[in-house]
């Protein structure tokens, strides 16, 4: 499976819901197949990883998207929770986790937000809220709070 993914060669039926523009932009048509452009393929890492080993998962670094289709169904509930915690730690804020159609985070985690798209549902790690406050405003807020307590 990993060897096939590394080659980046797909049949036309793999693009049933893909806009033609993206196929033309990112793939080259060869015989009856479509091959992903090398400049895109270099951005993706395909590797074997024990998802239950948190030490090894940390070596992966931060990710913008995690595609984990039809993997969680192989684990018991506790193992699923462990894997999803690891995904949450590795996923960049505001980015996406894609699971298989038969998989969900129900009873596993509430750390992600479910997003509905036209042909799929994905989970998003919520972005961190940035609160910006000038040092002057902070001093005024602290000063007024401490004065009320006198």
C-alpha atoms as a PDB file:
ATOM      1  CA  UNK A   1       0.000   0.000   0.000  1.00  0.00           C
ATOM      2  CA  UNK A   2       2.770   2.490   0.883  1.00  0.00           C
ATOM      3  CA  UNK A   3       4.667   1.677  -2.325  1.00  0.00           C
ATOM      4  CA  UNK A   4       1.538   2.403  -4.346  1.00  0.00           C
ATOM      5  CA  UNK A   5       0.977   5.704  -2.526  1.00  0.00           C
ATOM      6  CA  UNK A   6       4.600   6.782  -3.033  1.00  0.00           C
ATOM      7  CA  UNK A   7       4.279   6.289  -6.806  1.00  0.00           C
ATOM      8  CA  UNK A   8       1.378   8.754  -6.921  1.00  0.00           C
ATOM      9  CA  UNK A   9      -0.377   7.025  -9.836  1.00  0.00           C
ATOM     10  CA  UNK A  10      -4.179   6.979  -9.925  1.00  0.00           C
ATOM     11  CA  UNK A  11      -6.966   5.866 -12.244  1.00  0.00           C
ATOM     12  CA  UNK A  12      -9.676   8.223 -13.486  1.00  0.00           C
ATOM     13  CA  UNK A  13     -12.245   6.836 -11.006  1.00  0.00           C
ATOM     14  CA  UNK A  14     -10.116   8.189  -8.136  1.00  0.00           C
ATOM     15  CA  UNK A  15     -11.177  11.682  -9.200  1.00  0.00           C
ATOM     16  CA  UNK A  16     -14.964  11.241  -9.182  1.00  0.00           C
ATOM     17  CA  UNK A  17     -15.512  14.401  -7.141  1.00  0.00           C
ATOM     18  CA  UNK A  18     -12.351  16.313  -8.058  1.00  0.00           C
ATOM     19  CA  UNK A  19     -12.654  19.545 -10.001  1.00  0.00           C
ATOM     20  CA  UNK A  20     -11.000  19.228 -13.432  1.00  0.00           C
ATOM     21  CA  UNK A  21      -8.871  22.308 -12.747  1.00  0.00           C
ATOM     22  CA  UNK A  22      -7.023  20.499  -9.934  1.00  0.00           C
ATOM     23  CA  UNK A  23      -6.457  17.389 -12.035  1.00  0.00           C
ATOM     24  CA  UNK A  24      -4.929  19.499 -14.809  1.00  0.00           C
ATOM     25  CA  UNK A  25      -2.851  21.555 -12.372  1.00  0.00           C
ATOM     26  CA  UNK A  26      -1.414  18.779 -10.199  1.00  0.00           C
ATOM     27  CA  UNK A  27      -1.417  15.626 -12.384  1.00  0.00           C
ATOM     28  CA  UNK A  28       0.013  14.441 -15.687  1.00  0.00           C
ATOM     29  CA  UNK A  29      -2.123  12.148 -17.839  1.00  0.00           C
ATOM     30  CA  UNK A  30      -0.149   9.046 -18.894  1.00  0.00           C
ATOM     31  CA  UNK A  31      -1.912   6.237 -20.801  1.00  0.00           C
ATOM     32  CA  UNK A  32      -4.950   5.321 -18.645  1.00  0.00           C
ATOM     33  CA  UNK A  33      -3.468   6.782 -15.467  1.00  0.00           C
ATOM     34  CA  UNK A  34      -2.831  10.115 -13.790  1.00  0.00           C
ATOM     35  CA  UNK A  35       0.492  10.748 -12.098  1.00  0.00           C
ATOM     36  CA  UNK A  36       0.867  13.406  -9.438  1.00  0.00           C
ATOM     37  CA  UNK A  37       3.455  16.087 -10.233  1.00  0.00           C
ATOM     38  CA  UNK A  38       6.816  15.644  -8.510  1.00  0.00           C
ATOM     39  CA  UNK A  39       6.707  19.124  -6.944  1.00  0.00           C
ATOM     40  CA  UNK A  40       3.548  18.077  -5.076  1.00  0.00           C
ATOM     41  CA  UNK A  41       4.710  14.561  -4.250  1.00  0.00           C
ATOM     42  CA  UNK A  42       7.834  15.942  -2.555  1.00  0.00           C
ATOM     43  CA  UNK A  43       5.601  17.713  -0.020  1.00  0.00           C
ATOM     44  CA  UNK A  44       4.115  14.417   1.216  1.00  0.00           C
ATOM     45  CA  UNK A  45       5.739  11.789   3.412  1.00  0.00           C
ATOM     46  CA  UNK A  46       4.467   8.216   3.241  1.00  0.00           C
ATOM     47  CA  UNK A  47       5.835   6.003   6.004  1.00  0.00           C
ATOM     48  CA  UNK A  48       5.015   3.168   8.338  1.00  0.00           C
ATOM     49  CA  UNK A  49       4.432   4.228  11.937  1.00  0.00           C
ATOM     50  CA  UNK A  50       3.212   2.532  15.098  1.00  0.00           C
ATOM     51  CA  UNK A  51       0.428   4.931  16.110  1.00  0.00           C
ATOM     52  CA  UNK A  52       0.347   3.471  19.626  1.00  0.00           C
ATOM     53  CA  UNK A  53       3.958   4.432  20.339  1.00  0.00           C
ATOM     54  CA  UNK A  54       3.829   8.088  21.495  1.00  0.00           C
ATOM     55  CA  UNK A  55       7.637   8.354  21.497  1.00  0.00           C
ATOM     56  CA  UNK A  56       7.860   7.527  17.783  1.00  0.00           C
ATOM     57  CA  UNK A  57       4.785   9.603  16.904  1.00  0.00           C
ATOM     58  CA  UNK A  58       6.504  12.692  18.360  1.00  0.00           C
ATOM     59  CA  UNK A  59       9.315  12.325  15.815  1.00  0.00           C
ATOM     60  CA  UNK A  60       6.831  13.000  13.029  1.00  0.00           C
ATOM     61  CA  UNK A  61       6.648  16.685  13.937  1.00  0.00           C
ATOM     62  CA  UNK A  62       3.694  18.980  13.314  1.00  0.00           C
ATOM     63  CA  UNK A  63       1.333  18.220  10.457  1.00  0.00           C
ATOM     64  CA  UNK A  64      -1.178  20.287   8.491  1.00  0.00           C
ATOM     65  CA  UNK A  65      -3.400  17.348   7.594  1.00  0.00           C
ATOM     66  CA  UNK A  66      -3.662  13.755   8.782  1.00  0.00           C
ATOM     67  CA  UNK A  67      -5.276  11.180   6.505  1.00  0.00           C
ATOM     68  CA  UNK A  68      -6.165   8.181   8.618  1.00  0.00           C
ATOM     69  CA  UNK A  69      -8.747   6.271   6.625  1.00  0.00           C
ATOM     70  CA  UNK A  70     -10.042   2.944   7.960  1.00  0.00           C
ATOM     71  CA  UNK A  71      -7.353   2.560  10.608  1.00  0.00           C
ATOM     72  CA  UNK A  72      -9.185   3.333  13.842  1.00  0.00           C
ATOM     73  CA  UNK A  73     -11.697   0.531  13.213  1.00  0.00           C
ATOM     74  CA  UNK A  74      -8.826  -1.905  13.850  1.00  0.00           C
ATOM     75  CA  UNK A  75      -8.310  -0.686  17.437  1.00  0.00           C
ATOM     76  CA  UNK A  76     -10.263  -1.024  20.672  1.00  0.00           C
ATOM     77  CA  UNK A  77     -11.712   2.104  22.321  1.00  0.00           C
ATOM     78  CA  UNK A  78      -8.716   2.855  24.565  1.00  0.00           C
ATOM     79  CA  UNK A  79      -6.263   2.483  21.690  1.00  0.00           C
ATOM     80  CA  UNK A  80      -8.433   4.784  19.540  1.00  0.00           C
ATOM     81  CA  UNK A  81      -8.362   7.427  22.264  1.00  0.00           C
ATOM     82  CA  UNK A  82      -4.566   7.139  22.504  1.00  0.00           C
ATOM     83  CA  UNK A  83      -4.126   7.484  18.741  1.00  0.00           C
ATOM     84  CA  UNK A  84      -6.441  10.505  18.544  1.00  0.00           C
ATOM     85  CA  UNK A  85      -4.617  12.213  21.436  1.00  0.00           C
ATOM     86  CA  UNK A  86      -1.390  11.734  19.499  1.00  0.00           C
ATOM     87  CA  UNK A  87      -2.981  13.160  16.352  1.00  0.00           C
ATOM     88  CA  UNK A  88      -4.242  16.158  18.311  1.00  0.00           C
ATOM     89  CA  UNK A  89      -0.739  16.851  19.649  1.00  0.00           C
ATOM     90  CA  UNK A  90       0.861  16.583  16.189  1.00  0.00           C
ATOM     91  CA  UNK A  91      -1.769  18.522  14.237  1.00  0.00           C
ATOM     92  CA  UNK A  92      -1.194  22.247  13.722  1.00  0.00           C
ATOM     93  CA  UNK A  93      -3.939  24.470  15.170  1.00  0.00           C
ATOM     94  CA  UNK A  94      -6.786  24.996  12.721  1.00  0.00           C
ATOM     95  CA  UNK A  95      -5.781  22.022  10.528  1.00  0.00           C
ATOM     96  CA  UNK A  96      -7.614  18.828   9.575  1.00  0.00           C
ATOM     97  CA  UNK A  97      -7.985  15.149  10.431  1.00  0.00           C
ATOM     98  CA  UNK A  98      -9.680  12.945   7.824  1.00  0.00           C
ATOM     99  CA  UNK A  99     -11.051   9.570   8.875  1.00  0.00           C
ATOM    100  CA  UNK A 100     -12.746   6.775   6.953  1.00  0.00           C
ATOM    101  CA  UNK A 101     -16.466   6.944   6.220  1.00  0.00           C
ATOM    102  CA  UNK A 102     -17.184   4.281   8.841  1.00  0.00           C
ATOM    103  CA  UNK A 103     -15.159   6.089  11.513  1.00  0.00           C
ATOM    104  CA  UNK A 104     -15.952   8.967  13.841  1.00  0.00           C
ATOM    105  CA  UNK A 105     -14.662  10.548  17.030  1.00  0.00           C
ATOM    106  CA  UNK A 106     -17.925   9.901  18.855  1.00  0.00           C
ATOM    107  CA  UNK A 107     -17.107   8.615  22.370  1.00  0.00           C
ATOM    108  CA  UNK A 108     -13.402   9.093  21.604  1.00  0.00           C
ATOM    109  CA  UNK A 109     -12.626  12.821  21.698  1.00  0.00           C
ATOM    110  CA  UNK A 110     -14.270  16.236  21.846  1.00  0.00           C
ATOM    111  CA  UNK A 111     -11.028  18.055  21.017  1.00  0.00           C
ATOM    112  CA  UNK A 112     -11.952  18.454  17.332  1.00  0.00           C
ATOM    113  CA  UNK A 113     -14.751  20.288  15.551  1.00  0.00           C
ATOM    114  CA  UNK A 114     -16.726  18.385  12.919  1.00  0.00           C
ATOM    115  CA  UNK A 115     -16.835  20.245   9.587  1.00  0.00           C
ATOM    116  CA  UNK A 116     -19.271  19.351   6.799  1.00  0.00           C
ATOM    117  CA  UNK A 117     -18.185  19.663   3.178  1.00  0.00           C
ATOM    118  CA  UNK A 118     -20.084  18.819   0.001  1.00  0.00           C
ATOM    119  CA  UNK A 119     -18.877  15.231  -0.287  1.00  0.00           C
ATOM    120  CA  UNK A 120     -17.244  14.563   3.055  1.00  0.00           C
ATOM    121  CA  UNK A 121     -16.944  15.360   6.723  1.00  0.00           C
ATOM    122  CA  UNK A 122     -13.638  16.203   8.371  1.00  0.00           C
ATOM    123  CA  UNK A 123     -12.450  17.032  11.845  1.00  0.00           C
ATOM    124  CA  UNK A 124     -10.674  20.316  12.517  1.00  0.00           C
ATOM    125  CA  UNK A 125      -8.378  21.050  15.405  1.00  0.00           C
ATOM    126  CA  UNK A 126      -9.751  24.386  16.589  1.00  0.00           C
ATOM    127  CA  UNK A 127      -7.480  27.346  15.947  1.00  0.00           C
ATOM    128  CA  UNK A 128      -6.084  29.074  19.013  1.00  0.00           C
ATOM    129  CA  UNK A 129      -7.742  32.382  19.703  1.00  0.00           C
ATOM    130  CA  UNK A 130      -5.255  35.201  19.677  1.00  0.00           C
ATOM    131  CA  UNK A 131      -6.078  37.909  22.171  1.00  0.00           C
ATOM    132  CA  UNK A 132      -4.217  41.087  21.462  1.00  0.00           C
ATOM    133  CA  UNK A 133      -3.880  43.706  24.153  1.00  0.00           C
ATOM    134  CA  UNK A 134      -1.483  46.595  24.429  1.00  0.00           C
ATOM    135  CA  UNK A 135       0.657  46.828  27.541  1.00  0.00           C
ATOM    136  CA  UNK A 136      -1.112  50.112  28.378  1.00  0.00           C
ATOM    137  CA  UNK A 137      -4.537  48.425  28.266  1.00  0.00           C
ATOM    138  CA  UNK A 138      -3.249  45.566  30.391  1.00  0.00           C
ATOM    139  CA  UNK A 139      -1.921  47.981  33.030  1.00  0.00           C
ATOM    140  CA  UNK A 140      -5.268  49.848  33.095  1.00  0.00           C
ATOM    141  CA  UNK A 141      -7.197  46.586  33.465  1.00  0.00           C
ATOM    142  CA  UNK A 142      -4.974  45.305  36.293  1.00  0.00           C
ATOM    143  CA  UNK A 143      -4.937  48.707  38.014  1.00  0.00           C
ATOM    144  CA  UNK A 144      -8.731  49.062  37.930  1.00  0.00           C
ATOM    145  CA  UNK A 145      -9.185  45.506  39.216  1.00  0.00           C
ATOM    146  CA  UNK A 146      -6.793  45.942  42.114  1.00  0.00           C
ATOM    147  CA  UNK A 147      -8.259  49.351  43.062  1.00  0.00           C
ATOM    148  CA  UNK A 148     -11.746  47.868  43.320  1.00  0.00           C
ATOM    149  CA  UNK A 149     -10.444  45.329  45.827  1.00  0.00           C
ATOM    150  CA  UNK A 150      -9.121  48.002  48.247  1.00  0.00           C
END
